[in-house]
Amino acid sequence: MGILSEEKSHEAEAKIRAVHAEKGEAWIIAAMMDGSVGYYYPAFAQKQIRQYMKGDKESWAERTMAIYECDLEAEILHDITAFEYKTEEQRQHLIELATNYLEGSYEDQMYLSLMYPTSVH
């Protein structure tokens, strides 16, 4: 079990899956990029999300280990919750960035990651 209680884990899973269904993967990618202050570049955020959606709630990514005790669900929930506090304009800007860079090279994604947040805000 992760850092969330069993009850909170069920609530978190319901919220994450609802956001994924209603707002899409790109929305969560942008949320994870922003929540990690650029530590996650788009393709890695996508990898984390897809891993979770397949049912794997544990991750050995450095950020997940260090902050969330390997609890991928808690990490994604936190990033979604924080992203909801942004304005719609801010969210759309970050979603567009994430989508555009996701299609780019690894080097381009690293650029975005390294320059975050100064290059996006």
N, C-alpha and C. Protein backbone atom coordinates (compact mmCIF):
# COMPACT_ATOMS: atom_id res chain seq x y z
N MET A 1 0.84 -1.18 0.00
CA MET A 1 0.00 0.00 0.00
C MET A 1 0.88 1.24 0.00
N GLY A 2 0.41 2.27 -0.67
CA GLY A 2 1.13 3.52 -0.75
C GLY A 2 0.88 4.40 0.45
N ILE A 3 1.12 5.68 0.29
CA ILE A 3 0.95 6.60 1.41
C ILE A 3 -0.50 6.97 1.64
N LEU A 4 -1.36 6.68 0.68
CA LEU A 4 -2.79 6.94 0.84
C LEU A 4 -3.46 5.75 1.52
N SER A 5 -4.41 6.02 2.41
CA SER A 5 -5.18 4.94 3.02
C SER A 5 -5.97 4.22 1.93
N GLU A 6 -6.50 3.06 2.24
CA GLU A 6 -7.26 2.32 1.24
C GLU A 6 -8.46 3.13 0.74
N GLU A 7 -9.15 3.80 1.67
CA GLU A 7 -10.30 4.62 1.29
C GLU A 7 -9.87 5.78 0.40
N LYS A 8 -8.80 6.47 0.79
CA LYS A 8 -8.32 7.60 0.00
C LYS A 8 -7.80 7.13 -1.36
N SER A 9 -7.23 5.93 -1.40
CA SER A 9 -6.74 5.38 -2.65
C SER A 9 -7.89 5.16 -3.63
N HIS A 10 -9.01 4.66 -3.14
CA HIS A 10 -10.18 4.45 -4.01
C HIS A 10 -10.69 5.80 -4.53
N GLU A 11 -10.73 6.80 -3.66
CA GLU A 11 -11.17 8.13 -4.07
C GLU A 11 -10.20 8.73 -5.10
N ALA A 12 -8.90 8.54 -4.85
CA ALA A 12 -7.88 9.07 -5.76
C ALA A 12 -7.99 8.41 -7.12
N GLU A 13 -8.14 7.10 -7.13
CA GLU A 13 -8.25 6.39 -8.40
C GLU A 13 -9.47 6.87 -9.18
N ALA A 14 -10.59 7.04 -8.50
CA ALA A 14 -11.80 7.52 -9.17
C ALA A 14 -11.57 8.90 -9.77
N LYS A 15 -10.91 9.79 -9.02
CA LYS A 15 -10.66 11.14 -9.52
C LYS A 15 -9.70 11.11 -10.71
N ILE A 16 -8.61 10.37 -10.59
CA ILE A 16 -7.61 10.32 -11.67
C ILE A 16 -8.24 9.77 -12.95
N ARG A 17 -8.99 8.69 -12.81
CA ARG A 17 -9.62 8.09 -13.99
C ARG A 17 -10.69 9.01 -14.59
N ALA A 18 -11.41 9.74 -13.74
CA ALA A 18 -12.40 10.69 -14.24
C ALA A 18 -11.73 11.83 -15.00
N VAL A 19 -10.66 12.36 -14.46
CA VAL A 19 -9.94 13.45 -15.13
C VAL A 19 -9.37 12.94 -16.46
N HIS A 20 -8.82 11.75 -16.44
CA HIS A 20 -8.27 11.17 -17.67
C HIS A 20 -9.36 11.03 -18.72
N ALA A 21 -10.53 10.56 -18.33
CA ALA A 21 -11.64 10.37 -19.27
C ALA A 21 -12.23 11.70 -19.75
N GLU A 22 -12.37 12.65 -18.85
CA GLU A 22 -13.04 13.91 -19.17
C GLU A 22 -12.12 14.94 -19.81
N LYS A 23 -10.89 15.02 -19.34
CA LYS A 23 -9.99 16.09 -19.80
C LYS A 23 -8.88 15.58 -20.70
N GLY A 24 -8.58 14.30 -20.61
CA GLY A 24 -7.59 13.70 -21.49
C GLY A 24 -6.20 13.58 -20.90
N GLU A 25 -5.43 12.76 -21.58
CA GLU A 25 -4.06 12.49 -21.14
C GLU A 25 -3.18 13.74 -21.16
N ALA A 26 -3.34 14.57 -22.19
CA ALA A 26 -2.52 15.78 -22.30
C ALA A 26 -2.70 16.70 -21.10
N TRP A 27 -3.92 16.76 -20.57
CA TRP A 27 -4.19 17.59 -19.39
C TRP A 27 -3.36 17.09 -18.21
N ILE A 28 -3.32 15.78 -18.02
CA ILE A 28 -2.55 15.22 -16.89
C ILE A 28 -1.05 15.33 -17.14
N ILE A 29 -0.63 15.19 -18.38
CA ILE A 29 0.80 15.39 -18.70
C ILE A 29 1.21 16.79 -18.29
N ALA A 30 0.42 17.78 -18.68
CA ALA A 30 0.72 19.17 -18.31
C ALA A 30 0.71 19.35 -16.80
N ALA A 31 -0.24 18.71 -16.13
CA ALA A 31 -0.32 18.80 -14.67
C ALA A 31 0.94 18.22 -14.01
N MET A 32 1.43 17.10 -14.54
CA MET A 32 2.63 16.49 -13.96
C MET A 32 3.89 17.28 -14.28
N MET A 33 3.95 17.85 -15.47
CA MET A 33 5.08 18.73 -15.79
C MET A 33 5.10 19.90 -14.82
N ASP A 34 3.95 20.52 -14.64
CA ASP A 34 3.87 21.69 -13.78
C ASP A 34 4.08 21.31 -12.31
N GLY A 35 3.48 20.22 -11.90
CA GLY A 35 3.63 19.77 -10.51
C GLY A 35 5.06 19.43 -10.14
N SER A 36 5.81 18.98 -11.12
CA SER A 36 7.21 18.63 -10.86
C SER A 36 8.15 19.80 -11.16
N VAL A 37 7.58 20.95 -11.49
CA VAL A 37 8.32 22.16 -11.88
C VAL A 37 9.31 21.82 -12.99
N GLY A 38 8.82 21.02 -13.95
CA GLY A 38 9.61 20.69 -15.11
C GLY A 38 10.50 19.47 -14.96
N TYR A 39 10.55 18.89 -13.77
CA TYR A 39 11.38 17.70 -13.59
C TYR A 39 10.94 16.61 -14.55
N TYR A 40 9.62 16.49 -14.76
CA TYR A 40 9.10 15.55 -15.74
C TYR A 40 8.94 16.25 -17.07
N TYR A 41 9.58 15.73 -18.08
CA TYR A 41 9.36 16.21 -19.44
C TYR A 41 8.15 15.46 -19.98
N PRO A 42 7.53 15.95 -21.07
CA PRO A 42 6.26 15.38 -21.51
C PRO A 42 6.23 13.86 -21.70
N ALA A 43 7.23 13.30 -22.36
CA ALA A 43 7.21 11.85 -22.61
C ALA A 43 7.31 11.04 -21.32
N PHE A 44 8.05 11.56 -20.35
CA PHE A 44 8.16 10.82 -19.09
C PHE A 44 6.87 10.92 -18.28
N ALA A 45 6.26 12.09 -18.28
CA ALA A 45 4.95 12.23 -17.61
C ALA A 45 3.94 11.28 -18.26
N GLN A 46 3.97 11.21 -19.58
CA GLN A 46 3.07 10.29 -20.28
C GLN A 46 3.33 8.84 -19.87
N LYS A 47 4.58 8.47 -19.75
CA LYS A 47 4.95 7.12 -19.32
C LYS A 47 4.38 6.82 -17.93
N GLN A 48 4.51 7.77 -17.02
CA GLN A 48 4.00 7.60 -15.67
C GLN A 48 2.48 7.42 -15.67
N ILE A 49 1.80 8.24 -16.45
CA ILE A 49 0.34 8.18 -16.52
C ILE A 49 -0.11 6.83 -17.09
N ARG A 50 0.52 6.43 -18.17
CA ARG A 50 0.13 5.17 -18.81
C ARG A 50 0.42 3.98 -17.89
N GLN A 51 1.50 4.06 -17.16
CA GLN A 51 1.82 3.01 -16.19
C GLN A 51 0.71 2.92 -15.15
N TYR A 52 0.27 4.06 -14.65
CA TYR A 52 -0.80 4.08 -13.66
C TYR A 52 -2.12 3.57 -14.25
N MET A 53 -2.45 4.00 -15.44
CA MET A 53 -3.72 3.60 -16.05
C MET A 53 -3.78 2.10 -16.32
N LYS A 54 -2.62 1.46 -16.41
CA LYS A 54 -2.57 0.00 -16.58
C LYS A 54 -2.72 -0.72 -15.25
N GLY A 55 -2.77 0.05 -14.16
CA GLY A 55 -2.99 -0.55 -12.85
C GLY A 55 -1.79 -0.57 -11.93
N ASP A 56 -0.66 -0.05 -12.38
CA ASP A 56 0.55 -0.04 -11.55
C ASP A 56 0.57 1.24 -10.73
N LYS A 57 0.38 1.12 -9.43
CA LYS A 57 0.31 2.30 -8.56
C LYS A 57 1.64 2.61 -7.88
N GLU A 58 2.68 1.91 -8.27
CA GLU A 58 3.99 2.12 -7.68
C GLU A 58 4.97 2.53 -8.77
N SER A 59 5.86 3.46 -8.46
CA SER A 59 6.86 3.90 -9.42
C SER A 59 8.19 4.10 -8.70
N TRP A 60 9.24 3.78 -9.42
CA TRP A 60 10.58 3.96 -8.87
C TRP A 60 11.27 5.18 -9.47
N ALA A 61 10.51 6.06 -10.06
CA ALA A 61 11.07 7.32 -10.54
C ALA A 61 11.57 8.11 -9.34
N GLU A 62 12.64 8.84 -9.53
CA GLU A 62 13.28 9.55 -8.41
C GLU A 62 12.31 10.46 -7.66
N ARG A 63 11.54 11.25 -8.38
CA ARG A 63 10.59 12.16 -7.72
C ARG A 63 9.54 11.39 -6.93
N THR A 64 9.02 10.33 -7.54
CA THR A 64 8.00 9.53 -6.88
C THR A 64 8.55 8.89 -5.61
N MET A 65 9.76 8.38 -5.70
CA MET A 65 10.39 7.75 -4.53
C MET A 65 10.65 8.76 -3.42
N ALA A 66 11.25 9.89 -3.79
CA ALA A 66 11.70 10.85 -2.79
C ALA A 66 10.56 11.58 -2.09
N ILE A 67 9.52 11.90 -2.82
CA ILE A 67 8.45 12.71 -2.25
C ILE A 67 7.23 11.89 -1.85
N TYR A 68 6.93 10.85 -2.63
CA TYR A 68 5.68 10.12 -2.45
C TYR A 68 5.88 8.66 -2.02
N GLU A 69 7.08 8.32 -1.59
CA GLU A 69 7.38 6.97 -1.13
C GLU A 69 6.95 5.91 -2.15
N CYS A 70 7.23 6.18 -3.41
CA CYS A 70 6.94 5.29 -4.56
C CYS A 70 5.46 5.22 -4.91
N ASP A 71 4.63 6.05 -4.31
CA ASP A 71 3.19 6.02 -4.53
C ASP A 71 2.82 6.89 -5.73
N LEU A 72 2.75 6.26 -6.90
CA LEU A 72 2.45 6.97 -8.13
C LEU A 72 1.07 7.61 -8.09
N GLU A 73 0.13 6.93 -7.47
CA GLU A 73 -1.23 7.46 -7.36
C GLU A 73 -1.26 8.78 -6.58
N ALA A 74 -0.56 8.83 -5.46
CA ALA A 74 -0.50 10.05 -4.66
C ALA A 74 0.15 11.18 -5.45
N GLU A 75 1.18 10.85 -6.20
CA GLU A 75 1.87 11.85 -7.01
C GLU A 75 0.95 12.45 -8.07
N ILE A 76 0.28 11.59 -8.83
CA ILE A 76 -0.61 12.06 -9.88
C ILE A 76 -1.77 12.86 -9.28
N LEU A 77 -2.34 12.38 -8.19
CA LEU A 77 -3.43 13.09 -7.54
C LEU A 77 -2.99 14.49 -7.10
N HIS A 78 -1.82 14.58 -6.51
CA HIS A 78 -1.30 15.88 -6.08
C HIS A 78 -1.16 16.83 -7.26
N ASP A 79 -0.58 16.33 -8.35
CA ASP A 79 -0.35 17.19 -9.50
C ASP A 79 -1.67 17.64 -10.14
N ILE A 80 -2.65 16.75 -10.20
CA ILE A 80 -3.97 17.12 -10.73
C ILE A 80 -4.60 18.19 -9.85
N THR A 81 -4.57 17.96 -8.55
CA THR A 81 -5.20 18.90 -7.61
C THR A 81 -4.56 20.28 -7.70
N ALA A 82 -3.25 20.34 -7.76
CA ALA A 82 -2.56 21.63 -7.86
C ALA A 82 -2.87 22.31 -9.19
N PHE A 83 -2.95 21.53 -10.26
CA PHE A 83 -3.21 22.08 -11.59
C PHE A 83 -4.60 22.70 -11.67
N GLU A 84 -5.53 22.18 -10.92
CA GLU A 84 -6.89 22.71 -10.90
C GLU A 84 -6.94 24.14 -10.35
N TYR A 85 -5.93 24.55 -9.61
CA TYR A 85 -5.89 25.90 -9.05
C TYR A 85 -5.41 26.94 -10.07
N LYS A 86 -4.87 26.50 -11.16
CA LYS A 86 -4.43 27.43 -12.19
C LYS A 86 -5.65 27.95 -12.96
N THR A 87 -5.47 29.07 -13.60
CA THR A 87 -6.56 29.58 -14.43
C THR A 87 -6.68 28.71 -15.68
N GLU A 88 -7.82 28.78 -16.33
CA GLU A 88 -8.01 28.02 -17.57
C GLU A 88 -6.99 28.44 -18.62
N GLU A 89 -6.68 29.70 -18.67
CA GLU A 89 -5.69 30.20 -19.63
C GLU A 89 -4.31 29.59 -19.35
N GLN A 90 -3.91 29.56 -18.09
CA GLN A 90 -2.62 28.96 -17.73
C GLN A 90 -2.59 27.47 -18.07
N ARG A 91 -3.68 26.78 -17.74
CA ARG A 91 -3.74 25.35 -18.05
C ARG A 91 -3.65 25.10 -19.55
N GLN A 92 -4.38 25.86 -20.33
CA GLN A 92 -4.37 25.67 -21.78
C GLN A 92 -2.99 25.92 -22.37
N HIS A 93 -2.31 26.94 -21.86
CA HIS A 93 -0.95 27.23 -22.32
C HIS A 93 -0.02 26.04 -22.04
N LEU A 94 -0.10 25.48 -20.84
CA LEU A 94 0.76 24.36 -20.48
C LEU A 94 0.39 23.08 -21.23
N ILE A 95 -0.88 22.87 -21.47
CA ILE A 95 -1.32 21.72 -22.25
C ILE A 95 -0.79 21.82 -23.68
N GLU A 96 -0.86 23.00 -24.24
CA GLU A 96 -0.34 23.22 -25.59
C GLU A 96 1.16 22.97 -25.64
N LEU A 97 1.89 23.48 -24.66
CA LEU A 97 3.33 23.23 -24.60
C LEU A 97 3.62 21.74 -24.50
N ALA A 98 2.94 21.08 -23.60
CA ALA A 98 3.16 19.65 -23.41
C ALA A 98 2.89 18.88 -24.69
N THR A 99 1.80 19.20 -25.35
CA THR A 99 1.42 18.51 -26.59
C THR A 99 2.45 18.76 -27.69
N ASN A 100 2.85 20.02 -27.85
CA ASN A 100 3.83 20.35 -28.88
C ASN A 100 5.18 19.68 -28.62
N TYR A 101 5.65 19.72 -27.40
CA TYR A 101 6.95 19.13 -27.08
C TYR A 101 6.91 17.61 -27.08
N LEU A 102 5.77 17.04 -26.78
CA LEU A 102 5.63 15.58 -26.79
C LEU A 102 5.93 15.03 -28.18
N GLU A 103 5.60 15.78 -29.19
CA GLU A 103 5.85 15.36 -30.56
C GLU A 103 7.29 15.66 -30.99
N GLY A 104 8.03 16.37 -30.18
CA GLY A 104 9.39 16.76 -30.53
C GLY A 104 10.43 15.74 -30.10
N SER A 105 11.65 16.10 -30.32
CA SER A 105 12.77 15.22 -30.00
C SER A 105 13.00 15.17 -28.49
N TYR A 106 13.76 14.19 -28.08
CA TYR A 106 14.17 14.07 -26.68
C TYR A 106 14.91 15.33 -26.24
N GLU A 107 15.78 15.83 -27.10
CA GLU A 107 16.55 17.03 -26.78
C GLU A 107 15.64 18.23 -26.54
N ASP A 108 14.62 18.36 -27.38
CA ASP A 108 13.67 19.46 -27.21
C ASP A 108 12.91 19.34 -25.88
N GLN A 109 12.54 18.10 -25.54
CA GLN A 109 11.84 17.88 -24.28
C GLN A 109 12.74 18.19 -23.09
N MET A 110 14.02 17.86 -23.21
CA MET A 110 14.98 18.17 -22.14
C MET A 110 15.14 19.68 -22.00
N TYR A 111 15.14 20.38 -23.12
CA TYR A 111 15.21 21.84 -23.09
C TYR A 111 14.05 22.41 -22.27
N LEU A 112 12.85 21.93 -22.58
CA LEU A 112 11.66 22.39 -21.85
C LEU A 112 11.81 22.09 -20.36
N SER A 113 12.25 20.90 -20.06
CA SER A 113 12.41 20.49 -18.66
C SER A 113 13.44 21.36 -17.94
N LEU A 114 14.57 21.59 -18.58
CA LEU A 114 15.64 22.37 -17.95
C LEU A 114 15.29 23.84 -17.78
N MET A 115 14.51 24.37 -18.70
CA MET A 115 14.17 25.79 -18.65
C MET A 115 12.88 26.07 -17.86
N TYR A 116 12.24 25.04 -17.40
CA TYR A 116 11.00 25.20 -16.64
C TYR A 116 11.37 25.72 -15.25
N PRO A 117 10.69 26.64 -14.65
CA PRO A 117 9.50 27.34 -15.10
C PRO A 117 9.77 28.64 -15.84
N THR A 118 11.01 29.05 -15.97
CA THR A 118 11.28 30.36 -16.57
C THR A 118 10.85 30.46 -18.01
N SER A 119 10.82 29.34 -18.73
CA SER A 119 10.48 29.41 -20.15
C SER A 119 8.99 29.31 -20.41
N VAL A 120 8.19 28.99 -19.42
CA VAL A 120 6.77 28.77 -19.68
C VAL A 120 5.84 29.75 -18.99
N HIS A 121 6.34 30.51 -18.08
CA HIS A 121 5.45 31.41 -17.32
C HIS A 121 5.72 32.86 -17.65
